[in-house]
Protein backbone atom coordinates (compact mmCIF):
# COMPACT_ATOMS: atom_id res chain seq x y z
CA MET A 1 35.41 34.18 62.32
CA PRO A 2 35.52 31.15 60.02
CA GLU A 3 31.78 30.69 60.51
CA HIS A 4 31.20 34.32 59.52
CA ASN A 5 33.35 33.88 56.40
CA SER A 6 31.46 30.74 55.44
CA LYS A 7 28.12 32.49 55.69
CA SER A 8 29.47 35.43 53.72
CA VAL A 9 30.66 33.14 50.92
CA SER A 10 27.27 31.39 50.91
CA ARG A 11 25.44 34.71 50.69
CA ARG A 12 27.74 35.88 47.93
CA GLY A 13 27.05 32.68 45.96
CA PHE A 14 23.31 33.15 46.41
CA LEU A 15 23.54 36.78 45.30
CA ALA A 16 25.62 35.78 42.29
CA ARG A 17 23.00 33.22 41.24
CA LEU A 18 20.23 35.76 41.83
CA LEU A 19 22.05 38.35 39.74
CA GLY A 20 22.56 35.71 37.06
CA VAL A 21 18.83 35.04 36.90
CA GLY A 22 18.08 38.74 36.85
CA GLY A 23 20.66 39.28 34.14
CA ALA A 24 19.17 36.52 32.08
CA ALA A 25 15.77 38.19 32.39
CA LEU A 26 17.31 41.49 31.28
CA LEU A 27 19.16 39.90 28.40
CA GLY A 28 16.08 37.96 27.37
CA VAL A 29 15.46 34.34 26.60
CA ARG A 30 16.98 34.72 23.15
CA ALA A 31 20.35 35.91 24.39
CA LEU A 32 20.41 33.26 27.11
CA ALA A 33 19.65 30.54 24.59
CA GLN A 34 22.43 31.79 22.34
CA GLN A 35 24.85 31.53 25.26
CA VAL A 36 23.70 28.05 26.23
CA LEU A 37 23.43 26.76 22.65
CA PRO A 38 26.40 28.12 20.71
CA GLY A 39 25.98 28.01 16.94
CA TRP A 40 22.20 28.45 17.14
CA SER A 41 20.45 31.56 15.87
CA PHE A 42 17.04 32.85 16.97
CA ARG A 43 14.84 35.41 15.23
CA GLY A 44 11.32 36.58 15.78
CA GLU A 45 9.24 36.97 18.90
CA PRO A 46 8.60 34.34 21.61
CA LEU A 47 5.37 32.39 21.00
CA THR A 48 2.73 31.38 23.49
CA THR A 49 0.84 28.09 23.67
CA HIS A 50 -2.04 29.48 21.57
CA VAL A 51 -1.39 31.51 18.41
CA ARG A 52 -4.30 32.57 16.20
CA LYS A 53 -4.38 34.43 12.87
CA GLY A 54 -7.67 35.11 11.15
CA GLU A 55 -10.90 33.33 12.03
CA PRO A 56 -10.58 29.61 11.24
CA PRO A 57 -13.35 27.23 12.37
CA VAL A 58 -13.12 26.32 16.03
CA GLN A 59 -12.02 22.72 16.63
CA PRO A 60 -12.85 20.79 19.83
CA LEU A 61 -9.24 20.06 20.76
CA ASP A 62 -7.62 19.37 24.11
CA THR A 63 -4.12 20.39 23.06
CA MET A 64 -1.05 21.80 24.80
CA LEU A 65 0.12 23.87 21.82
CA LEU A 66 -2.27 25.34 19.22
CA PHE A 67 -1.57 27.31 16.04
CA GLU A 68 -4.62 28.52 14.10
CA ARG A 69 -4.73 30.30 10.77
CA GLY A 70 -7.67 31.50 8.71
CA ASP A 71 -6.96 33.16 5.35
CA ASP A 72 -8.76 34.62 2.36
CA ASN A 73 -5.96 34.60 -0.22
CA ASN A 74 -6.75 35.72 -3.76
CA ASP A 75 -3.40 37.13 -4.87
CA ARG A 76 -0.73 35.20 -6.75
CA ALA A 77 -0.78 31.45 -6.22
CA MET A 78 1.61 30.38 -3.48
CA THR A 79 1.63 28.05 -0.50
CA HIS A 80 0.53 29.24 2.94
CA GLU A 81 1.83 27.19 5.86
CA VAL A 82 0.94 27.08 9.52
CA LEU A 83 4.14 25.25 10.52
CA SER A 84 7.28 24.71 8.42
CA LEU A 85 10.25 22.53 9.35
CA ILE A 86 13.44 22.75 7.25
CA HIS A 87 16.08 20.10 7.87
CA GLU A 88 19.35 19.34 6.06
CA GLU A 89 21.77 16.57 7.02
CA LYS A 90 25.08 16.30 5.16
CA GLY A 91 26.75 13.75 7.39
CA ARG A 92 27.19 10.16 6.20
CA ASN A 93 26.65 8.45 9.55
CA SER A 94 23.29 9.67 10.78
CA TYR A 95 19.61 8.87 11.18
CA PRO A 96 17.95 12.23 10.36
CA TRP A 97 14.28 12.33 11.41
CA THR A 98 12.75 15.73 10.71
CA MET A 99 9.62 15.04 12.77
CA TYR A 100 9.17 12.43 15.48
CA ALA A 101 5.92 11.55 17.23
CA SER A 102 5.54 8.80 19.81
CA LEU A 103 2.45 7.51 21.64
CA ASP A 104 2.38 4.94 24.43
CA THR A 105 -1.24 4.12 25.27
CA HIS A 106 -3.13 1.65 27.46
CA HIS A 107 -6.65 2.88 26.73
CA GLU A 108 -9.58 0.50 26.33
CA VAL A 109 -12.30 2.95 25.23
CA GLY A 110 -11.65 5.38 22.40
CA ASP A 111 -9.30 5.52 19.43
CA ALA A 112 -5.54 6.02 19.53
CA CYS A 113 -3.86 7.95 16.72
CA VAL A 114 -0.26 9.13 16.55
CA VAL A 115 -0.80 11.50 13.61
CA CYS A 116 -4.25 12.63 12.42
CA SER A 117 -4.82 14.33 9.08
CA ARG A 118 -8.27 15.74 8.23
CA LEU A 119 -9.28 17.53 5.04
CA HIS A 120 -12.63 19.24 4.25
CA LYS A 121 -12.64 19.92 0.49
CA HIS A 122 -15.20 22.49 -0.72
CA GLY A 123 -13.66 23.73 -3.97
CA PRO A 124 -12.51 22.06 -7.21
CA GLY A 125 -8.79 22.39 -6.49
CA TRP A 126 -6.54 19.35 -6.14
CA SER A 127 -6.43 18.37 -2.48
CA THR A 128 -4.95 15.60 -0.37
CA GLY A 129 -5.03 14.60 3.28
CA LEU A 130 -1.38 13.55 3.23
CA HIS A 131 1.21 14.40 0.59
CA SER A 132 4.68 12.91 0.23
CA GLU A 133 7.23 13.89 -2.42
CA VAL A 134 10.44 11.92 -2.92
CA PHE A 135 13.20 13.04 -5.32
CA ASN A 136 15.74 10.24 -5.52
CA HIS A 137 19.27 11.37 -6.38
CA GLY A 138 21.27 8.51 -4.90
CA ARG A 139 21.57 4.74 -4.76
CA MET A 140 19.74 2.19 -2.63
CA VAL A 141 16.17 2.55 -1.27
CA ALA A 142 13.79 5.53 -1.46
CA LEU A 143 10.22 5.18 -0.14
CA GLY A 144 7.27 7.52 -0.25
CA VAL A 145 5.70 5.90 2.82
CA ASN A 146 7.19 3.15 4.99
CA ILE A 147 5.05 1.07 7.37
CA GLU A 148 6.67 -1.38 9.78
CA MET A 149 4.44 -3.68 11.84
CA SER A 150 4.92 -6.22 14.60
CA ASN A 151 2.59 -8.39 16.69
CA ASP A 152 3.48 -10.19 19.92
CA TYR A 153 -0.03 -10.64 21.35
CA ASP A 154 -0.70 -14.30 22.14
CA GLY A 155 -3.97 -13.97 24.05
CA PRO A 156 -7.31 -15.62 23.25
CA ASP A 157 -9.12 -12.57 21.86
CA PRO A 158 -9.51 -12.13 18.07
CA THR A 159 -6.94 -9.62 16.85
CA LYS A 160 -6.25 -7.99 13.50
CA VAL A 161 -2.97 -6.22 12.76
CA ILE A 162 -3.22 -4.40 9.42
CA GLY A 163 -0.45 -2.46 7.71
CA LEU A 164 -2.71 -0.16 5.66
CA ASN A 165 -6.44 0.24 6.26
CA ILE A 166 -8.64 2.24 3.86
CA GLN A 167 -12.35 2.70 4.60
CA ALA A 168 -15.19 4.27 2.64
CA VAL A 169 -16.89 5.81 5.68
CA GLY A 170 -19.64 8.08 4.35
CA GLY A 171 -21.41 9.97 1.63
CA PRO A 172 -24.29 8.94 -0.64
CA ARG A 173 -22.04 8.49 -3.67
CA PRO A 174 -19.24 5.95 -4.16
CA MET A 175 -15.60 6.91 -4.42
CA GLN A 176 -13.65 5.72 -7.46
CA TYR A 177 -10.58 3.92 -6.15
CA GLY A 178 -9.41 2.62 -2.79
CA ILE A 179 -5.84 2.48 -4.16
CA GLN A 180 -4.73 3.95 -7.48
CA VAL A 181 -1.31 3.64 -9.09
CA HIS A 182 -0.88 5.64 -12.28
CA ASP A 183 1.82 7.29 -14.37
CA GLY A 184 2.65 10.97 -14.09
CA GLN A 185 5.90 12.36 -15.47
CA GLY A 186 7.43 8.97 -14.65
CA ARG A 187 6.25 5.40 -14.41
CA PHE A 188 6.57 2.28 -12.28
CA GLU A 189 8.00 -0.90 -13.72
CA THR A 190 5.68 -2.83 -11.38
CA GLY A 191 2.43 -1.33 -10.12
CA ILE A 192 2.05 -3.49 -7.00
CA GLY A 193 4.67 -5.93 -5.74
CA LEU A 194 3.91 -8.70 -3.23
CA ASN A 195 7.31 -10.00 -2.17
CA GLY A 196 6.46 -11.73 1.09
CA ALA A 197 5.24 -15.23 1.93
CA GLY A 198 1.95 -16.27 3.50
CA GLN A 199 -1.35 -17.98 2.88
CA VAL A 200 -3.00 -15.57 0.40
CA GLY A 201 -1.32 -12.95 -1.77
CA LEU A 202 -4.47 -11.04 -2.73
CA ASP A 203 -7.75 -11.68 -0.90
CA ILE A 204 -10.93 -10.39 -2.56
CA ALA A 205 -13.54 -11.19 0.06
CA GLY A 206 -15.97 -8.40 -0.86
CA ASP A 207 -18.99 -8.50 -3.18
CA TYR A 208 -17.89 -7.28 -6.61
CA GLU A 209 -19.44 -7.77 -10.03
CA THR A 210 -15.94 -8.51 -11.32
CA GLY A 211 -13.22 -9.82 -9.05
CA VAL A 212 -10.29 -9.00 -11.35
CA HIS A 213 -10.62 -6.93 -14.55
CA THR A 214 -7.39 -6.91 -16.53
CA HIS A 215 -8.76 -5.01 -19.55
CA ASP A 216 -6.20 -5.60 -22.35
CA ASN A 217 -3.56 -7.07 -20.04
CA ASP A 218 -2.57 -10.73 -19.84
CA ILE A 219 -2.72 -12.97 -16.81
CA ARG A 220 0.58 -14.84 -16.70
CA LEU A 221 1.64 -17.92 -14.73
CA ASN A 222 4.97 -19.69 -14.64
CA GLU A 223 5.04 -23.24 -15.99
CA GLY A 224 3.60 -25.63 -13.44
CA ALA A 225 1.53 -23.02 -11.60
CA CYS A 226 -2.20 -23.74 -11.47
CA VAL A 227 -5.49 -21.99 -11.93
CA VAL A 228 -7.71 -23.39 -9.16
CA LEU A 229 -11.34 -23.97 -10.12
CA ASP A 230 -12.89 -24.87 -6.75
CA GLY A 231 -12.86 -23.59 -3.16
CA GLU A 232 -10.87 -26.53 -1.77
CA GLY A 233 -8.01 -26.30 -4.26
CA ARG A 234 -8.40 -29.77 -5.78
CA ILE A 235 -9.67 -29.05 -9.32
CA ARG A 236 -6.85 -27.28 -11.09
CA LEU A 237 -5.64 -26.34 -14.54
CA ARG A 238 -1.97 -25.97 -15.42
CA TYR A 239 0.58 -26.03 -18.24
CA ARG A 240 3.60 -28.33 -17.87
CA SER A 241 6.02 -30.00 -20.31
CA GLY A 242 4.03 -29.25 -23.47
CA ARG A 243 0.68 -30.28 -21.98
CA ILE A 244 -2.31 -28.40 -20.64
CA GLU A 245 -3.41 -30.62 -17.75
CA PHE A 246 -6.62 -30.93 -15.77
CA LEU A 247 -6.05 -32.24 -12.26
CA ASN A 248 -8.15 -33.63 -9.43
CA GLY A 249 -5.79 -33.37 -6.51
CA ASP A 250 -2.45 -34.72 -7.76
CA ARG A 251 -4.10 -36.90 -10.42
CA CYS A 252 -4.20 -35.70 -14.02
CA PHE A 253 -7.48 -36.88 -15.52
CA ALA A 254 -7.21 -35.13 -18.90
CA HIS A 255 -4.70 -33.19 -20.95
CA LEU A 256 -4.20 -31.35 -24.21
CA ASP A 257 -0.98 -31.63 -26.21
CA VAL A 258 0.04 -28.11 -27.24
CA ASP A 259 2.07 -29.49 -30.17
CA ALA A 260 -0.86 -31.49 -31.60
CA GLU A 261 -2.75 -30.59 -34.73
CA ASP A 262 -5.51 -27.99 -34.44
CA HIS A 263 -8.82 -29.72 -33.83
CA ALA A 264 -12.18 -29.01 -32.24
CA LEU A 265 -12.70 -30.20 -28.70
């Protein structure tokens, strides 16, 4: 008798679970998700792994989830998105990341890329491969793009770790700027700031007709800093203590007194 009761209870539990699964199917995934995730709301129809609207060009992609959209919009000007993510965080102790992508790779042939952006521009409209807008309303730091790098490779092979790499990869005509900083409705107090420490602040190793063109802007050095006139760094020119000095190594071999009378050299 106890054995019979035990089997009956087991069967009843199995039937209850089976009915629960069937009920979930009848209620639908939306209702089940609302029960499991209280406070969430779900609208719209369930999506499959491949969603296509219109006839966009076919891309050779090996992807798990694909959204495609091809439009011919000629009505009022407005944005048309394929995927939109809206995120608001009002808490004071949080690390809100609206989108997170992670790649762990050990490949030796091929190219690894966490996020790829590709733009084919055929019309005259303003276009960009990546666009970031930052509206700062609070104190402390606000960045349009943040790049953090590290390197712990200590092997014998030559290795380059580069924070930002920009290549001119094709086309018969040159592009205008690799990096451009200009004023819009606002302005930057400093166009480019190099605040680190290393061997070279700005390395111009390419072949340019003009290495640095300042137009109507001054080149300014602090007192005691040198303009180096040779590749080894021995022949230098500096201003210090009222004198313009010419140096060979640490030895000053000529100078001009800036308080002296005007005279031809």
